[in-house]
C-alpha atoms as a PDB file:
ATOM      1  CA  UNK A   1     -21.263 -14.206  -5.666  1.00  0.00           C
ATOM      2  CA  UNK A   2     -18.606 -11.682  -4.644  1.00  0.00           C
ATOM      3  CA  UNK A   3     -18.534 -11.260  -0.861  1.00  0.00           C
ATOM      4  CA  UNK A   4     -15.428  -9.083  -0.415  1.00  0.00           C
ATOM      5  CA  UNK A   5     -13.759  -6.444  -2.603  1.00  0.00           C
ATOM      6  CA  UNK A   6     -10.078  -5.463  -2.369  1.00  0.00           C
ATOM      7  CA  UNK A   7      -8.675  -2.355  -4.022  1.00  0.00           C
ATOM      8  CA  UNK A   8      -5.336  -0.708  -4.589  1.00  0.00           C
ATOM      9  CA  UNK A   9      -5.378   3.035  -3.921  1.00  0.00           C
ATOM     10  CA  UNK A  10      -2.965   5.100  -6.043  1.00  0.00           C
ATOM     11  CA  UNK A  11      -3.784   4.862  -9.733  1.00  0.00           C
ATOM     12  CA  UNK A  12      -6.857   2.755  -8.921  1.00  0.00           C
ATOM     13  CA  UNK A  13      -9.352   3.980  -6.323  1.00  0.00           C
ATOM     14  CA  UNK A  14      -7.872   7.475  -6.046  1.00  0.00           C
ATOM     15  CA  UNK A  15      -8.000   9.991  -8.900  1.00  0.00           C
ATOM     16  CA  UNK A  16      -5.059  12.111 -10.041  1.00  0.00           C
ATOM     17  CA  UNK A  17      -5.703  14.476  -7.117  1.00  0.00           C
ATOM     18  CA  UNK A  18      -5.366  11.638  -4.600  1.00  0.00           C
ATOM     19  CA  UNK A  19      -9.070  11.679  -3.716  1.00  0.00           C
ATOM     20  CA  UNK A  20     -11.995   9.249  -3.776  1.00  0.00           C
ATOM     21  CA  UNK A  21     -14.443  10.513  -6.406  1.00  0.00           C
ATOM     22  CA  UNK A  22     -18.136  10.939  -5.689  1.00  0.00           C
ATOM     23  CA  UNK A  23     -18.912   8.238  -8.261  1.00  0.00           C
ATOM     24  CA  UNK A  24     -16.623   5.688  -6.608  1.00  0.00           C
ATOM     25  CA  UNK A  25     -17.983   6.545  -3.162  1.00  0.00           C
ATOM     26  CA  UNK A  26     -21.600   6.104  -4.256  1.00  0.00           C
ATOM     27  CA  UNK A  27     -20.938   2.761  -5.971  1.00  0.00           C
ATOM     28  CA  UNK A  28     -18.914   1.309  -3.075  1.00  0.00           C
ATOM     29  CA  UNK A  29     -21.480   2.305  -0.453  1.00  0.00           C
ATOM     30  CA  UNK A  30     -24.430   1.234  -2.614  1.00  0.00           C
ATOM     31  CA  UNK A  31     -22.914  -2.222  -3.179  1.00  0.00           C
ATOM     32  CA  UNK A  32     -22.885  -2.974   0.543  1.00  0.00           C
ATOM     33  CA  UNK A  33     -20.014  -5.457   0.079  1.00  0.00           C
ATOM     34  CA  UNK A  34     -17.098  -5.405   2.569  1.00  0.00           C
ATOM     35  CA  UNK A  35     -14.362  -3.271   1.009  1.00  0.00           C
ATOM     36  CA  UNK A  36     -10.669  -3.391   1.897  1.00  0.00           C
ATOM     37  CA  UNK A  37      -8.004  -0.941   0.776  1.00  0.00           C
ATOM     38  CA  UNK A  38      -4.726  -2.676  -0.097  1.00  0.00           C
ATOM     39  CA  UNK A  39      -1.921  -0.145  -0.301  1.00  0.00           C
ATOM     40  CA  UNK A  40       1.777   0.550   0.080  1.00  0.00           C
ATOM     41  CA  UNK A  41       0.662   3.608   2.050  1.00  0.00           C
ATOM     42  CA  UNK A  42       0.824   3.868   5.809  1.00  0.00           C
ATOM     43  CA  UNK A  43      -2.438   3.625   7.798  1.00  0.00           C
ATOM     44  CA  UNK A  44      -2.257   7.386   8.432  1.00  0.00           C
ATOM     45  CA  UNK A  45      -2.098   7.996   4.667  1.00  0.00           C
ATOM     46  CA  UNK A  46      -5.078   5.682   4.171  1.00  0.00           C
ATOM     47  CA  UNK A  47      -7.292   7.242   6.837  1.00  0.00           C
ATOM     48  CA  UNK A  48      -8.877   9.933   4.649  1.00  0.00           C
ATOM     49  CA  UNK A  49     -10.200   7.319   2.197  1.00  0.00           C
ATOM     50  CA  UNK A  50     -11.327   5.033   5.042  1.00  0.00           C
ATOM     51  CA  UNK A  51     -13.322   7.852   6.615  1.00  0.00           C
ATOM     52  CA  UNK A  52     -14.715   9.074   3.279  1.00  0.00           C
ATOM     53  CA  UNK A  53     -16.040   5.606   2.482  1.00  0.00           C
ATOM     54  CA  UNK A  54     -16.962   4.785   6.112  1.00  0.00           C
ATOM     55  CA  UNK A  55     -15.165   1.448   5.823  1.00  0.00           C
ATOM     56  CA  UNK A  56     -15.527  -1.063   8.658  1.00  0.00           C
ATOM     57  CA  UNK A  57     -13.752  -4.096   7.131  1.00  0.00           C
ATOM     58  CA  UNK A  58     -10.092  -4.861   7.930  1.00  0.00           C
ATOM     59  CA  UNK A  59      -7.630  -2.790   5.903  1.00  0.00           C
ATOM     60  CA  UNK A  60      -4.177  -3.635   4.513  1.00  0.00           C
ATOM     61  CA  UNK A  61      -1.302  -1.136   4.688  1.00  0.00           C
ATOM     62  CA  UNK A  62       2.408  -1.138   3.889  1.00  0.00           C
ATOM     63  CA  UNK A  63       1.834  -3.559   0.967  1.00  0.00           C
ATOM     64  CA  UNK A  64       0.630  -6.231   3.383  1.00  0.00           C
ATOM     65  CA  UNK A  65       2.980  -5.322   6.219  1.00  0.00           C
ATOM     66  CA  UNK A  66       0.052  -4.630   8.536  1.00  0.00           C
ATOM     67  CA  UNK A  67      -3.582  -5.733   8.580  1.00  0.00           C
ATOM     68  CA  UNK A  68      -5.670  -3.569  10.851  1.00  0.00           C
ATOM     69  CA  UNK A  69      -9.099  -2.304  11.799  1.00  0.00           C
ATOM     70  CA  UNK A  70      -9.769   1.436  11.943  1.00  0.00           C
ATOM     71  CA  UNK A  71     -12.447   2.717  14.299  1.00  0.00           C
ATOM     72  CA  UNK A  72     -12.856   6.261  15.635  1.00  0.00           C
ATOM     73  CA  UNK A  73      -9.407   7.085  14.221  1.00  0.00           C
ATOM     74  CA  UNK A  74      -7.889   4.345  16.381  1.00  0.00           C
ATOM     75  CA  UNK A  75      -5.962   1.455  14.820  1.00  0.00           C
ATOM     76  CA  UNK A  76      -6.219  -2.113  16.012  1.00  0.00           C
ATOM     77  CA  UNK A  77      -3.518  -4.362  14.534  1.00  0.00           C
ATOM     78  CA  UNK A  78      -4.862  -7.754  13.486  1.00  0.00           C
ATOM     79  CA  UNK A  79      -1.652  -9.167  11.994  1.00  0.00           C
ATOM     80  CA  UNK A  80       1.657  -7.655  10.964  1.00  0.00           C
ATOM     81  CA  UNK A  81       5.096  -8.240   9.439  1.00  0.00           C
ATOM     82  CA  UNK A  82       7.514  -5.435  10.357  1.00  0.00           C
ATOM     83  CA  UNK A  83      11.014  -5.084   8.959  1.00  0.00           C
ATOM     84  CA  UNK A  84      13.446  -6.930  11.287  1.00  0.00           C
ATOM     85  CA  UNK A  85      14.866  -4.327  13.676  1.00  0.00           C
ATOM     86  CA  UNK A  86      18.457  -5.384  13.000  1.00  0.00           C
ATOM     87  CA  UNK A  87      17.884  -4.802   9.290  1.00  0.00           C
ATOM     88  CA  UNK A  88      16.487  -1.329   9.952  1.00  0.00           C
ATOM     89  CA  UNK A  89      19.661  -0.487  11.872  1.00  0.00           C
ATOM     90  CA  UNK A  90      21.869  -1.987   9.156  1.00  0.00           C
ATOM     91  CA  UNK A  91      20.155   0.032   6.397  1.00  0.00           C
ATOM     92  CA  UNK A  92      20.517   3.279   8.338  1.00  0.00           C
ATOM     93  CA  UNK A  93      24.176   2.578   9.164  1.00  0.00           C
ATOM     94  CA  UNK A  94      25.095   1.632   5.581  1.00  0.00           C
ATOM     95  CA  UNK A  95      23.457   4.662   3.986  1.00  0.00           C
ATOM     96  CA  UNK A  96      24.659   7.150   6.580  1.00  0.00           C
ATOM     97  CA  UNK A  97      28.247   5.901   6.155  1.00  0.00           C
ATOM     98  CA  UNK A  98      28.250   6.637   2.394  1.00  0.00           C
ATOM     99  CA  UNK A  99      25.575   9.319   2.006  1.00  0.00           C
ATOM    100  CA  UNK A 100      25.463  11.176   5.347  1.00  0.00           C
ATOM    101  CA  UNK A 101      23.398  14.080   3.954  1.00  0.00           C
ATOM    102  CA  UNK A 102      20.521  11.834   2.818  1.00  0.00           C
ATOM    103  CA  UNK A 103      17.398  11.652   4.947  1.00  0.00           C
ATOM    104  CA  UNK A 104      15.868   8.214   5.584  1.00  0.00           C
ATOM    105  CA  UNK A 105      12.171   7.756   6.424  1.00  0.00           C
ATOM    106  CA  UNK A 106      11.134   5.116   8.961  1.00  0.00           C
ATOM    107  CA  UNK A 107       7.409   4.393   9.169  1.00  0.00           C
ATOM    108  CA  UNK A 108       5.871   2.865  12.285  1.00  0.00           C
ATOM    109  CA  UNK A 109       2.188   2.064  12.625  1.00  0.00           C
ATOM    110  CA  UNK A 110       1.285   5.753  13.040  1.00  0.00           C
ATOM    111  CA  UNK A 111       4.667   7.480  13.205  1.00  0.00           C
ATOM    112  CA  UNK A 112       6.921   8.916  10.521  1.00  0.00           C
ATOM    113  CA  UNK A 113      10.480   9.470  11.701  1.00  0.00           C
ATOM    114  CA  UNK A 114      13.403  10.669   9.600  1.00  0.00           C
ATOM    115  CA  UNK A 115      17.121  10.526  10.244  1.00  0.00           C
ATOM    116  CA  UNK A 116      17.435  14.135   9.039  1.00  0.00           C
ATOM    117  CA  UNK A 117      15.547  16.678   6.953  1.00  0.00           C
ATOM    118  CA  UNK A 118      16.774  17.138   3.390  1.00  0.00           C
ATOM    119  CA  UNK A 119      15.307  18.235   0.037  1.00  0.00           C
ATOM    120  CA  UNK A 120      13.917  14.749  -0.623  1.00  0.00           C
ATOM    121  CA  UNK A 121      12.048  14.651   2.681  1.00  0.00           C
ATOM    122  CA  UNK A 122      10.746  18.191   2.046  1.00  0.00           C
ATOM    123  CA  UNK A 123       9.444  17.079  -1.353  1.00  0.00           C
ATOM    124  CA  UNK A 124       7.964  13.872   0.074  1.00  0.00           C
ATOM    125  CA  UNK A 125       6.029  15.603   2.863  1.00  0.00           C
ATOM    126  CA  UNK A 126       4.106  17.836   0.435  1.00  0.00           C
ATOM    127  CA  UNK A 127       1.680  14.954  -0.210  1.00  0.00           C
ATOM    128  CA  UNK A 128       1.688  13.511   3.303  1.00  0.00           C
ATOM    129  CA  UNK A 129      -1.069  13.967   5.922  1.00  0.00           C
ATOM    130  CA  UNK A 130       1.497  14.337   8.706  1.00  0.00           C
ATOM    131  CA  UNK A 131       4.849  15.963   9.334  1.00  0.00           C
ATOM    132  CA  UNK A 132       7.931  13.879  10.093  1.00  0.00           C
ATOM    133  CA  UNK A 133       9.802  13.994  13.360  1.00  0.00           C
ATOM    134  CA  UNK A 134      13.579  13.796  13.439  1.00  0.00           C
ATOM    135  CA  UNK A 135      14.711  10.496  14.899  1.00  0.00           C
ATOM    136  CA  UNK A 136      16.470  10.536  18.262  1.00  0.00           C
ATOM    137  CA  UNK A 137      18.787   7.678  17.312  1.00  0.00           C
ATOM    138  CA  UNK A 138      20.302   7.096  20.745  1.00  0.00           C
ATOM    139  CA  UNK A 139      16.879   6.579  22.301  1.00  0.00           C
ATOM    140  CA  UNK A 140      15.350   4.779  19.313  1.00  0.00           C
ATOM    141  CA  UNK A 141      17.973   2.051  18.987  1.00  0.00           C
ATOM    142  CA  UNK A 142      17.723   1.264  22.708  1.00  0.00           C
ATOM    143  CA  UNK A 143      13.962   0.711  22.403  1.00  0.00           C
ATOM    144  CA  UNK A 144      13.106   0.428  18.692  1.00  0.00           C
ATOM    145  CA  UNK A 145       9.442   0.453  17.735  1.00  0.00           C
ATOM    146  CA  UNK A 146       8.227  -1.819  14.897  1.00  0.00           C
ATOM    147  CA  UNK A 147       9.095  -0.294  11.521  1.00  0.00           C
ATOM    148  CA  UNK A 148       6.954  -1.420   8.597  1.00  0.00           C
ATOM    149  CA  UNK A 149       8.537   0.540   5.772  1.00  0.00           C
ATOM    150  CA  UNK A 150      11.821   2.319   5.090  1.00  0.00           C
ATOM    151  CA  UNK A 151      11.485   4.912   2.338  1.00  0.00           C
ATOM    152  CA  UNK A 152      14.097   6.877   0.427  1.00  0.00           C
ATOM    153  CA  UNK A 153      12.984   9.939  -1.510  1.00  0.00           C
ATOM    154  CA  UNK A 154      16.158  11.016  -3.294  1.00  0.00           C
ATOM    155  CA  UNK A 155      16.078  13.737  -5.937  1.00  0.00           C
ATOM    156  CA  UNK A 156      19.667  13.133  -7.118  1.00  0.00           C
ATOM    157  CA  UNK A 157      19.686  10.099  -9.432  1.00  0.00           C
ATOM    158  CA  UNK A 158      23.392   9.365  -8.843  1.00  0.00           C
ATOM    159  CA  UNK A 159      22.817   9.268  -5.098  1.00  0.00           C
ATOM    160  CA  UNK A 160      19.758   7.033  -5.502  1.00  0.00           C
ATOM    161  CA  UNK A 161      21.705   4.634  -7.728  1.00  0.00           C
ATOM    162  CA  UNK A 162      24.496   4.580  -5.164  1.00  0.00           C
ATOM    163  CA  UNK A 163      22.080   3.743  -2.337  1.00  0.00           C
ATOM    164  CA  UNK A 164      20.503   0.924  -4.349  1.00  0.00           C
ATOM    165  CA  UNK A 165      23.935  -0.498  -5.173  1.00  0.00           C
ATOM    166  CA  UNK A 166      25.045  -0.479  -1.531  1.00  0.00           C
ATOM    167  CA  UNK A 167      21.853  -2.079  -0.249  1.00  0.00           C
ATOM    168  CA  UNK A 168      21.769  -4.746  -2.965  1.00  0.00           C
ATOM    169  CA  UNK A 169      25.372  -5.682  -2.180  1.00  0.00           C
ATOM    170  CA  UNK A 170      24.499  -5.998   1.521  1.00  0.00           C
ATOM    171  CA  UNK A 171      22.050  -8.862   0.783  1.00  0.00           C
ATOM    172  CA  UNK A 172      19.726  -7.812   3.594  1.00  0.00           C
ATOM    173  CA  UNK A 173      17.809 -10.806   5.004  1.00  0.00           C
ATOM    174  CA  UNK A 174      14.044 -10.916   5.296  1.00  0.00           C
ATOM    175  CA  UNK A 175      13.251  -7.789   3.274  1.00  0.00           C
ATOM    176  CA  UNK A 176      12.219  -6.759  -0.220  1.00  0.00           C
ATOM    177  CA  UNK A 177      13.266  -3.566  -2.020  1.00  0.00           C
ATOM    178  CA  UNK A 178      11.143  -1.901  -4.670  1.00  0.00           C
ATOM    179  CA  UNK A 179      11.552   1.317  -6.630  1.00  0.00           C
ATOM    180  CA  UNK A 180       8.241   2.936  -7.532  1.00  0.00           C
ATOM    181  CA  UNK A 181       9.996   5.673  -9.558  1.00  0.00           C
ATOM    182  CA  UNK A 182      13.438   7.171 -10.098  1.00  0.00           C
ATOM    183  CA  UNK A 183      13.188   9.058  -6.799  1.00  0.00           C
ATOM    184  CA  UNK A 184      11.401   6.584  -4.507  1.00  0.00           C
ATOM    185  CA  UNK A 185      12.746   3.363  -2.978  1.00  0.00           C
ATOM    186  CA  UNK A 186      10.798   1.315  -0.414  1.00  0.00           C
ATOM    187  CA  UNK A 187      12.023  -1.486   1.822  1.00  0.00           C
ATOM    188  CA  UNK A 188       9.482  -3.739   3.531  1.00  0.00           C
ATOM    189  CA  UNK A 189       9.532  -7.197   5.076  1.00  0.00           C
ATOM    190  CA  UNK A 190       9.668  -9.885   2.399  1.00  0.00           C
ATOM    191  CA  UNK A 191       6.463 -11.325   3.893  1.00  0.00           C
ATOM    192  CA  UNK A 192       4.689  -7.999   3.264  1.00  0.00           C
ATOM    193  CA  UNK A 193       2.793  -8.767   0.068  1.00  0.00           C
ATOM    194  CA  UNK A 194      -0.652  -7.615  -0.977  1.00  0.00           C
ATOM    195  CA  UNK A 195      -1.631 -11.203  -1.795  1.00  0.00           C
ATOM    196  CA  UNK A 196      -0.701 -12.293   1.737  1.00  0.00           C
ATOM    197  CA  UNK A 197      -3.030  -9.701   3.211  1.00  0.00           C
ATOM    198  CA  UNK A 198      -5.894 -10.688   0.922  1.00  0.00           C
ATOM    199  CA  UNK A 199      -5.414 -14.373   1.678  1.00  0.00           C
ATOM    200  CA  UNK A 200      -5.309 -13.697   5.426  1.00  0.00           C
ATOM    201  CA  UNK A 201      -8.588 -11.771   5.398  1.00  0.00           C
ATOM    202  CA  UNK A 202     -10.279 -14.365   3.153  1.00  0.00           C
ATOM    203  CA  UNK A 203      -9.300 -17.142   5.567  1.00  0.00           C
ATOM    204  CA  UNK A 204     -10.321 -15.047   8.575  1.00  0.00           C
ATOM    205  CA  UNK A 205     -13.775 -14.497   7.063  1.00  0.00           C
ATOM    206  CA  UNK A 206     -13.988 -18.099   5.814  1.00  0.00           C
ATOM    207  CA  UNK A 207     -14.355 -16.990   2.221  1.00  0.00           C
ATOM    208  CA  UNK A 208     -13.535 -18.995  -0.861  1.00  0.00           C
ATOM    209  CA  UNK A 209     -11.172 -16.911  -2.982  1.00  0.00           C
ATOM    210  CA  UNK A 210     -13.659 -17.237  -5.852  1.00  0.00           C
ATOM    211  CA  UNK A 211     -15.915 -15.040  -3.708  1.00  0.00           C
ATOM    212  CA  UNK A 212     -13.406 -12.167  -3.790  1.00  0.00           C
ATOM    213  CA  UNK A 213     -12.677  -9.428  -6.324  1.00  0.00           C
ATOM    214  CA  UNK A 214      -9.779  -6.988  -6.609  1.00  0.00           C
ATOM    215  CA  UNK A 215      -8.965  -3.788  -8.492  1.00  0.00           C
ATOM    216  CA  UNK A 216      -5.421  -2.781  -9.443  1.00  0.00           C
ATOM    217  CA  UNK A 217      -3.196  -1.055 -11.961  1.00  0.00           C
ATOM    218  CA  UNK A 218       0.463  -1.728 -11.128  1.00  0.00           C
ATOM    219  CA  UNK A 219       2.978  -4.586 -11.015  1.00  0.00           C
ATOM    220  CA  UNK A 220       2.751  -4.974  -7.231  1.00  0.00           C
ATOM    221  CA  UNK A 221      -0.987  -5.666  -7.669  1.00  0.00           C
ATOM    222  CA  UNK A 222      -0.394  -8.728  -9.871  1.00  0.00           C
ATOM    223  CA  UNK A 223      -0.080 -11.341  -7.056  1.00  0.00           C
ATOM    224  CA  UNK A 224      -3.294  -9.997  -5.510  1.00  0.00           C
ATOM    225  CA  UNK A 225      -5.105 -10.003  -8.835  1.00  0.00           C
ATOM    226  CA  UNK A 226      -4.008 -13.561  -9.572  1.00  0.00           C
ATOM    227  CA  UNK A 227      -5.247 -14.705  -6.160  1.00  0.00           C
ATOM    228  CA  UNK A 228      -8.843 -13.447  -6.279  1.00  0.00           C
ATOM    229  CA  UNK A 229     -11.751 -14.884  -8.212  1.00  0.00           C
ATOM    230  CA  UNK A 230     -12.512 -11.676 -10.113  1.00  0.00           C
ATOM    231  CA  UNK A 231      -9.443  -9.586 -11.051  1.00  0.00           C
ATOM    232  CA  UNK A 232     -10.400  -6.186 -12.500  1.00  0.00           C
ATOM    233  CA  UNK A 233      -7.724  -3.900 -13.964  1.00  0.00           C
ATOM    234  CA  UNK A 234      -7.926  -0.187 -14.655  1.00  0.00           C
ATOM    235  CA  UNK A 235      -7.737   1.257 -18.170  1.00  0.00           C
ATOM    236  CA  UNK A 236      -4.620   3.107 -17.015  1.00  0.00           C
ATOM    237  CA  UNK A 237      -3.031  -0.163 -15.847  1.00  0.00           C
ATOM    238  CA  UNK A 238       0.247  -1.328 -17.339  1.00  0.00           C
ATOM    239  CA  UNK A 239       0.082  -3.881 -20.205  1.00  0.00           C
ATOM    240  CA  UNK A 240       1.480  -6.767 -18.133  1.00  0.00           C
ATOM    241  CA  UNK A 241      -1.090  -6.058 -15.418  1.00  0.00           C
ATOM    242  CA  UNK A 242      -3.938  -6.076 -17.927  1.00  0.00           C
ATOM    243  CA  UNK A 243      -2.874  -9.567 -18.982  1.00  0.00           C
ATOM    244  CA  UNK A 244      -4.043 -11.003 -15.647  1.00  0.00           C
ATOM    245  CA  UNK A 245      -7.449  -9.258 -15.723  1.00  0.00           C
ATOM    246  CA  UNK A 246     -10.769 -10.949 -16.169  1.00  0.00           C
ATOM    247  CA  UNK A 247     -12.287  -7.527 -16.817  1.00  0.00           C
ATOM    248  CA  UNK A 248     -10.999  -4.080 -17.742  1.00  0.00           C
ATOM    249  CA  UNK A 249     -12.722  -1.019 -16.318  1.00  0.00           C
ATOM    250  CA  UNK A 250     -12.416   2.743 -16.828  1.00  0.00           C
ATOM    251  CA  UNK A 251      -9.343   4.638 -15.619  1.00  0.00           C
ATOM    252  CA  UNK A 252      -8.890   6.094 -12.153  1.00  0.00           C
ATOM    253  CA  UNK A 253     -10.036   9.543 -13.271  1.00  0.00           C
ATOM    254  CA  UNK A 254     -13.353   8.201 -14.573  1.00  0.00           C
ATOM    255  CA  UNK A 255     -14.728   6.211 -11.611  1.00  0.00           C
ATOM    256  CA  UNK A 256     -13.115   2.963 -12.765  1.00  0.00           C
ATOM    257  CA  UNK A 257     -13.650   1.179  -9.444  1.00  0.00           C
ATOM    258  CA  UNK A 258     -17.274   2.291  -9.160  1.00  0.00           C
ATOM    259  CA  UNK A 259     -18.016   1.353 -12.750  1.00  0.00           C
ATOM    260  CA  UNK A 260     -16.359  -2.021 -12.278  1.00  0.00           C
ATOM    261  CA  UNK A 261     -18.473  -2.724  -9.216  1.00  0.00           C
ATOM    262  CA  UNK A 262     -21.706  -1.759 -10.989  1.00  0.00           C
ATOM    263  CA  UNK A 263     -20.931  -3.480 -14.290  1.00  0.00           C
ATOM    264  CA  UNK A 264     -19.043  -6.624 -13.334  1.00  0.00           C
ATOM    265  CA  UNK A 265     -19.668  -7.398  -9.658  1.00  0.00           C
ATOM    266  CA  UNK A 266     -23.264  -6.285  -9.172  1.00  0.00           C
ATOM    267  CA  UNK A 267     -24.082  -6.936 -12.826  1.00  0.00           C
ATOM    268  CA  UNK A 268     -22.947 -10.559 -12.576  1.00  0.00           C
ATOM    269  CA  UNK A 269     -24.843 -11.088  -9.333  1.00  0.00           C
ATOM    270  CA  UNK A 270     -28.018  -9.692 -10.908  1.00  0.00           C
ATOM    271  CA  UNK A 271     -27.594 -12.090 -13.855  1.00  0.00           C
ATOM    272  CA  UNK A 272     -27.151 -15.015 -11.445  1.00  0.00           C
ATOM    273  CA  UNK A 273     -30.412 -14.107  -9.689  1.00  0.00           C
ATOM    274  CA  UNK A 274     -32.195 -14.087 -13.019  1.00  0.00           C
END
């Protein structure tokens, strides 16, 4: 019996408009099974879906960088893995030395600070629920807050390639870099993995991993999907992600998560009762 469901957001739970569909909402709430969002997004970016679904289970943000509880729009951190502060400073110094006109995004638990506004930041903020604040570097480096994700949104491919080359050559300790597209690069703590977050919550709730299910569509979902007892992949998932699925469901524009819950999770539990 599945006792906890984990779900990626973009390309999985959310449709092409970045929203939770009515069909997904109905299925998730009808199931009555604890439901955890597992996302590269910040908690602030996740809050709309949390409130829409009225979720009370722990949630996983920054790709596993923070596990938290959301209640009355307040966040309670349960466990976290921020980027080492010395690495944050090193990344900013390296990029500013070679590409001084490029804005760098630093995400704290609820904050979004940027080293400067540029066209990439302007493009990035169009889909964000909050506006960035320009970093006061003198004050920040004296008393740095935990940073869970460093993001580059760079519209010039040559500049992006140059940034990647510099950072790869620096061999930054304790972090992982991942490009989600030609214009986006994220840096998180190497311990920040979706599978780590899932495993932590399963242990906290004393669940056998065979009692967990997960939905995903992208490469960074694979460790999570391999960990749970019932991996379910979206129809829009990449071929290598589909290879780790036990079940395939509809795409994210056709209530794939809701259909997967009804057909595979609740359907299997009904069969077991019979």
